[in-house]
Amino acid sequence: IANAQFGNRIFPFPLPTQPLDVHLYWHANVDYDPANQWLRGQCIALLGTTG
């Protein structure tokens, strides 16, 4: 992983957690902006969709 050179490690969270709702919001004037569309696409690809 990118931080392996720093000796960082990943541990499971020790407490039970609830799912988080994630929402994307943007101003209407960037609906068709290629950079904004790309960023939204990356977020959806990473986080998935629920409907």
Protein backbone atom coordinates (compact mmCIF):
# COMPACT_ATOMS: atom_id res chain seq x y z
CA ILE A 1 0.00 0.00 0.00
CA ALA A 2 1.11 3.59 -0.53
CA ASN A 3 2.04 4.11 3.13
CA ALA A 4 3.95 0.84 3.56
CA GLN A 5 7.23 2.75 3.43
CA PHE A 6 6.19 4.57 6.61
CA GLY A 7 5.38 1.41 8.54
CA ASN A 8 1.67 2.18 8.80
CA ARG A 9 -0.63 -0.75 9.49
CA ILE A 10 -4.39 -1.22 9.18
CA PHE A 11 -6.36 -2.72 12.04
CA PRO A 12 -10.05 -3.63 12.23
CA PHE A 13 -12.15 -1.10 14.09
CA PRO A 14 -12.68 -2.51 17.60
CA LEU A 15 -16.32 -1.43 18.03
CA PRO A 16 -19.48 -2.29 16.10
CA THR A 17 -20.46 0.35 13.56
CA GLN A 18 -23.56 1.29 11.61
CA PRO A 19 -23.55 1.82 7.83
CA LEU A 20 -23.05 5.40 6.69
CA ASP A 21 -25.22 7.19 4.16
CA VAL A 22 -23.08 8.96 1.58
CA HIS A 23 -24.60 11.60 -0.69
CA LEU A 24 -23.07 13.57 -3.55
CA TYR A 25 -24.11 17.18 -4.01
CA TRP A 26 -22.97 19.65 -6.64
CA HIS A 27 -24.12 22.92 -8.10
CA ALA A 28 -26.20 22.69 -11.28
CA ASN A 29 -23.67 24.78 -13.20
CA VAL A 30 -21.17 21.89 -13.05
CA ASP A 31 -23.58 19.16 -14.20
CA TYR A 32 -21.78 18.89 -17.53
CA ASP A 33 -18.28 19.86 -16.39
CA PRO A 34 -15.95 17.02 -17.45
CA ALA A 35 -13.81 17.19 -14.30
CA ASN A 36 -16.87 17.13 -12.05
CA GLN A 37 -18.40 14.27 -14.02
CA TRP A 38 -15.16 12.33 -13.68
CA LEU A 39 -15.00 12.91 -9.92
CA ARG A 40 -18.63 11.84 -9.47
CA GLY A 41 -17.95 8.73 -11.54
CA GLN A 42 -14.92 7.87 -9.40
CA CYS A 43 -16.94 8.27 -6.20
CA ILE A 44 -19.74 6.06 -7.53
CA ALA A 45 -17.28 3.42 -8.76
CA LEU A 46 -15.56 3.35 -5.37
CA LEU A 47 -18.59 3.58 -3.12
CA GLY A 48 -21.19 1.91 -5.32
CA THR A 49 -24.84 2.74 -5.69
CA THR A 50 -27.90 1.68 -3.74
CA GLY A 51 -30.58 2.95 -6.06
